[in-house]
Protein backbone atom coordinates (compact mmCIF):
# COMPACT_ATOMS: atom_id res chain seq x y z
CA MET A 1 144.47 86.33 -6.29
CA ARG A 2 143.02 85.43 -2.80
CA HIS A 3 144.59 82.61 -0.98
CA GLY A 4 142.44 80.84 1.50
CA ILE A 5 139.39 82.03 3.32
CA TRP A 6 141.09 85.23 4.72
CA GLY A 7 143.07 85.91 1.57
CA ALA A 8 146.38 84.97 3.20
CA LYS A 9 148.75 82.64 1.57
CA ARG A 10 149.06 79.43 3.49
CA CYS A 11 152.59 78.14 4.23
CA PRO A 12 152.98 74.48 2.93
CA LEU A 13 154.93 73.70 6.23
CA ALA A 14 152.26 75.05 8.61
CA SER A 15 149.94 72.06 8.50
CA PRO A 16 152.43 69.42 9.52
CA ILE A 17 153.84 71.51 12.30
CA MET A 18 150.41 72.36 13.77
CA ASP A 19 149.37 68.68 13.43
CA MET A 20 152.39 67.65 15.39
CA TYR A 21 151.36 69.84 18.41
CA ASN A 22 147.74 68.88 18.12
CA VAL A 23 148.51 65.15 18.59
CA PRO A 24 146.79 64.29 22.08
CA ASN A 25 149.15 62.93 24.87
CA PRO A 26 148.37 59.42 25.95
CA PRO A 27 145.92 59.29 28.77
CA MET A 28 147.32 59.09 32.36
CA PRO A 29 146.13 56.36 34.69
CA ALA A 30 143.17 57.42 36.78
CA CYS A 31 144.27 58.70 40.15
CA PRO A 32 141.60 59.35 42.75
CA PRO A 33 141.88 62.67 44.39
CA GLY A 34 143.88 62.57 47.57
CA LEU A 35 146.04 59.54 46.41
CA GLU A 36 148.47 61.60 44.38
CA TYR A 37 151.18 61.01 46.75
CA LEU A 38 151.01 57.26 46.33
CA LEU A 39 152.31 57.77 42.75
CA GLN A 40 155.72 58.60 44.16
CA VAL A 41 156.22 55.73 46.65
CA ASP A 42 157.04 52.12 46.58
CA GLN A 43 156.67 51.25 50.26
CA LEU A 44 154.73 52.38 53.23
CA LEU A 45 154.91 51.72 56.99
CA ILE A 46 151.50 51.23 58.77
CA LYS A 47 151.77 51.54 62.59
CA GLN A 48 149.01 50.67 64.99
CA LYS A 49 148.82 53.19 67.82
CA VAL A 50 148.91 51.69 71.36
CA GLU A 51 145.88 52.20 73.32
CA LEU A 52 146.68 52.62 77.06
CA VAL A 53 143.22 51.46 78.33
CA GLU A 54 143.21 48.45 76.07
CA ALA A 55 146.73 47.42 77.25
CA LEU A 56 145.91 47.79 80.95
CA VAL A 57 142.30 46.51 81.37
CA GLY A 58 141.72 44.50 78.01
CA PHE A 59 138.84 46.80 76.90
CA GLU A 60 138.82 46.50 73.06
CA SER A 61 138.80 50.02 71.63
CA ASN A 62 138.74 51.21 67.96
CA ASN A 63 142.05 50.54 66.15
CA LYS A 64 143.99 53.67 64.99
CA TYR A 65 146.81 53.64 62.60
CA GLU A 66 149.54 56.03 61.17
CA VAL A 67 150.73 55.45 57.61
CA GLN A 68 154.16 56.69 57.07
CA ASN A 69 156.73 56.98 54.24
CA SER A 70 160.16 55.39 54.33
CA MET A 71 161.45 58.56 56.19
CA GLY A 72 158.93 58.15 59.05
CA GLN A 73 156.80 61.09 57.85
CA ASN A 74 153.10 60.68 58.32
CA VAL A 75 151.16 60.43 54.97
CA PHE A 76 147.75 59.28 56.25
CA TYR A 77 145.86 58.49 59.49
CA ALA A 78 143.35 55.64 59.71
CA VAL A 79 140.56 55.20 62.19
CA GLU A 80 138.28 52.26 62.75
CA GLU A 81 134.54 52.82 63.17
CA ASN A 82 132.06 50.40 64.76
CA ASP A 83 130.01 49.89 67.96
CA CYS A 84 131.17 48.86 71.44
CA LEU A 85 129.08 45.72 71.44
CA SER A 86 130.76 44.42 68.14
CA ARG A 87 134.31 45.10 69.52
CA GLN A 88 133.73 43.35 72.76
CA CYS A 89 131.64 40.40 71.68
CA CYS A 90 132.89 39.68 68.01
CA GLY A 91 136.63 40.55 68.70
CA PRO A 92 138.81 40.23 65.63
CA MET A 93 135.90 38.80 63.52
CA ARG A 94 134.07 42.08 63.84
CA SER A 95 132.78 44.21 60.84
CA PHE A 96 134.26 47.59 60.55
CA VAL A 97 134.64 50.75 58.52
CA ILE A 98 138.17 52.25 58.48
CA ARG A 99 138.37 55.88 57.28
CA VAL A 100 141.84 56.82 55.86
CA LEU A 101 142.43 60.62 56.26
CA ASP A 102 145.12 62.85 54.80
CA ASN A 103 147.10 65.24 56.84
CA PHE A 104 144.26 67.95 56.27
CA GLY A 105 141.65 65.54 57.71
CA HIS A 106 140.12 64.80 54.42
CA GLU A 107 138.85 61.23 53.92
CA VAL A 108 140.61 59.79 50.92
CA ILE A 109 140.08 55.98 51.37
CA THR A 110 137.27 54.00 52.94
CA VAL A 111 137.61 50.40 53.87
CA THR A 112 134.66 48.19 54.62
CA ARG A 113 134.68 44.79 56.02
CA PRO A 114 131.32 42.74 56.62
CA LEU A 115 130.91 40.46 59.47
CA LYS A 116 131.88 36.84 58.68
CA CYS A 117 133.04 33.92 60.72
CA MET A 118 136.72 32.93 60.43
CA SER A 119 137.42 29.21 60.16
CA CYS A 120 139.87 27.23 58.03
CA CYS A 121 137.47 24.43 58.19
CA PHE A 122 134.54 26.13 56.45
CA PRO A 123 135.35 27.53 52.95
CA CYS A 124 131.83 29.21 52.96
CA CYS A 125 133.04 31.70 55.56
CA LEU A 126 135.68 33.51 53.67
CA GLN A 127 136.78 36.99 54.45
CA GLU A 128 136.39 39.94 52.03
CA LEU A 129 137.10 43.63 52.02
CA GLU A 130 135.96 46.53 49.89
CA VAL A 131 138.13 49.65 49.28
CA GLN A 132 136.69 52.95 48.08
CA SER A 133 138.50 56.00 46.92
CA PRO A 134 137.13 58.59 47.09
CA PRO A 135 134.44 57.50 49.49
CA GLY A 136 131.50 56.01 47.48
CA ASN A 137 133.75 55.11 44.44
CA THR A 138 134.81 51.35 44.68
CA VAL A 139 138.39 50.84 43.38
CA GLY A 140 138.99 47.18 44.37
CA TYR A 141 138.24 44.27 46.57
CA ILE A 142 140.25 41.64 48.71
CA THR A 143 138.72 38.16 48.79
CA GLN A 144 140.08 35.27 50.90
CA GLN A 145 140.86 31.96 48.96
CA TRP A 146 140.23 28.84 50.95
CA HIS A 147 143.32 26.83 52.12
CA PRO A 148 143.64 24.77 55.16
CA PHE A 149 147.25 25.79 55.91
CA VAL A 150 148.34 28.87 53.96
CA PRO A 151 146.59 32.22 54.02
CA LYS A 152 145.74 33.21 50.46
CA PHE A 153 143.89 36.23 49.00
CA ILE A 154 143.01 37.64 45.71
CA ILE A 155 143.26 41.39 44.85
CA GLN A 156 140.40 42.40 42.43
CA ASN A 157 139.63 45.67 40.72
CA GLU A 158 136.36 47.47 40.88
CA LYS A 159 134.81 45.05 38.26
CA TRP A 160 135.80 41.98 40.54
CA GLU A 161 138.49 40.93 37.99
CA PRO A 162 141.52 39.36 39.60
CA VAL A 163 144.58 41.48 39.44
CA LEU A 164 147.12 40.07 42.01
CA LYS A 165 147.49 37.45 44.73
CA ILE A 166 148.73 37.50 48.23
CA HIS A 167 150.23 34.40 49.80
CA GLY A 168 150.99 34.07 53.52
CA PRO A 169 153.56 31.78 55.22
CA PHE A 170 152.76 28.19 56.21
CA CYS A 171 150.72 27.64 59.41
CA GLY A 172 152.92 27.84 62.68
CA TRP A 173 154.49 31.05 61.86
CA ASN A 174 153.43 33.08 64.94
CA CYS A 175 156.73 32.52 66.55
CA LEU A 176 158.62 34.33 63.79
CA PRO A 177 159.83 37.92 64.52
CA ASP A 178 158.89 39.20 60.85
CA ILE A 179 156.12 37.58 59.02
CA ASP A 180 155.79 38.11 55.23
CA PHE A 181 152.86 37.89 53.00
CA GLU A 182 154.07 37.87 49.43
CA ILE A 183 152.33 39.80 46.61
CA MET A 184 152.32 37.69 43.44
CA THR A 185 151.24 38.00 39.83
CA MET A 186 148.15 35.95 39.02
CA ASP A 187 150.21 33.18 37.46
CA GLU A 188 152.07 32.97 40.82
CA VAL A 189 155.42 33.12 38.93
CA ASN A 190 156.67 36.63 39.89
CA LYS A 191 156.80 38.11 43.31
CA ILE A 192 156.29 41.89 42.97
CA GLY A 193 156.05 42.92 46.61
CA LYS A 194 155.10 42.00 50.15
CA ILE A 195 153.20 42.85 53.33
CA SER A 196 155.36 42.40 56.35
CA LYS A 197 154.34 42.14 59.92
CA GLN A 198 157.19 43.49 61.88
CA TRP A 199 158.44 42.77 65.47
CA THR A 200 157.63 45.58 67.85
CA GLY A 201 159.31 44.31 70.97
CA LEU A 202 158.43 41.80 73.61
CA LEU A 203 156.40 43.84 76.01
CA ARG A 204 154.38 45.42 73.32
CA GLU A 205 153.79 42.11 71.49
CA ALA A 206 152.79 40.27 74.79
CA PHE A 207 150.58 43.00 76.35
CA THR A 208 148.81 44.77 73.41
CA ASP A 209 147.58 43.80 70.05
CA SER A 210 149.16 46.88 68.26
CA ASP A 211 151.24 45.93 65.26
CA ASN A 212 153.56 47.43 62.57
CA PHE A 213 153.25 46.51 58.99
CA GLY A 214 155.58 47.39 55.97
CA VAL A 215 154.03 47.10 52.48
CA GLN A 216 156.23 47.09 49.46
CA PHE A 217 154.88 47.34 45.75
CA PRO A 218 156.22 48.47 42.33
CA MET A 219 156.50 52.24 41.86
CA ASP A 220 154.31 52.00 38.75
CA LEU A 221 151.65 49.89 40.18
CA ASP A 222 148.27 51.38 39.64
CA VAL A 223 147.61 53.80 42.48
CA ARG A 224 144.21 52.29 43.02
CA MET A 225 145.74 48.89 43.68
CA LYS A 226 148.17 50.60 46.13
CA ALA A 227 145.24 51.90 48.00
CA VAL A 228 143.81 48.34 48.09
CA MET A 229 147.16 47.04 49.49
CA ILE A 230 146.58 49.48 52.46
CA GLY A 231 143.26 47.89 53.00
CA ALA A 232 144.88 44.36 52.79
CA CYS A 233 147.18 45.30 55.68
CA PHE A 234 144.09 46.11 57.79
CA LEU A 235 142.34 42.80 56.98
CA ILE A 236 145.52 40.64 57.63
CA ASP A 237 146.00 42.58 61.01
CA PHE A 238 142.41 41.67 62.06
CA MET A 239 142.52 38.16 60.86
CA PHE A 240 145.87 36.99 62.27
CA PHE A 241 147.33 39.50 64.71
CA GLU A 242 144.33 41.05 66.54
CA SER A 243 143.71 39.55 69.92
CA ASN A 244 142.05 40.48 73.06
CA ASN A 245 145.27 40.47 75.31
């Protein structure tokens, strides 16, 4: 008697065992190429590089940043792109494109800010930022919420759906050595991280506009939202700490 198509007798235990191995694994969260390292970290340090010409003569140059891990190792580099006229005439309100590069020089994140006026008196002039990773593929947005005294932002995904909130300190905080912007859940009940502007020393604070930021977030936060948090650091820097010294 033939058993089965090929004439071989089928073992009654073979089917369950094979079915067990054929069960697909649950899908992993999408990770844009170049951001794999962000899966392993829950904090980053973003350091703006001091420009000698800017410090000495006040000529505004393109901002440059180093993104480091907790051990001080460079993970990414970030370079601002715009024209000289915008930098000198528009100052911290200027539009920009910031390209974030890995250690091999490959662009992994693109941050774009349109030109908008900044005024707490006019809620129609609210700031926003778009974050792409890889370039051309939007992963999220940062939009400012109007408030007369407290900086507030909403972190949104690529569909403009709210994901998280950022709350800054009450006005009059420029005298503080470290300034924290808290990352909150949408119900504003739980604090899950923060963006901190860190004191860099009296001379550097007085004569340059270069700043250091620390950003902390949950290890299991969507890697795309981690990329958006890097963009949030740039926006906060320009809005509150960039000046023509």
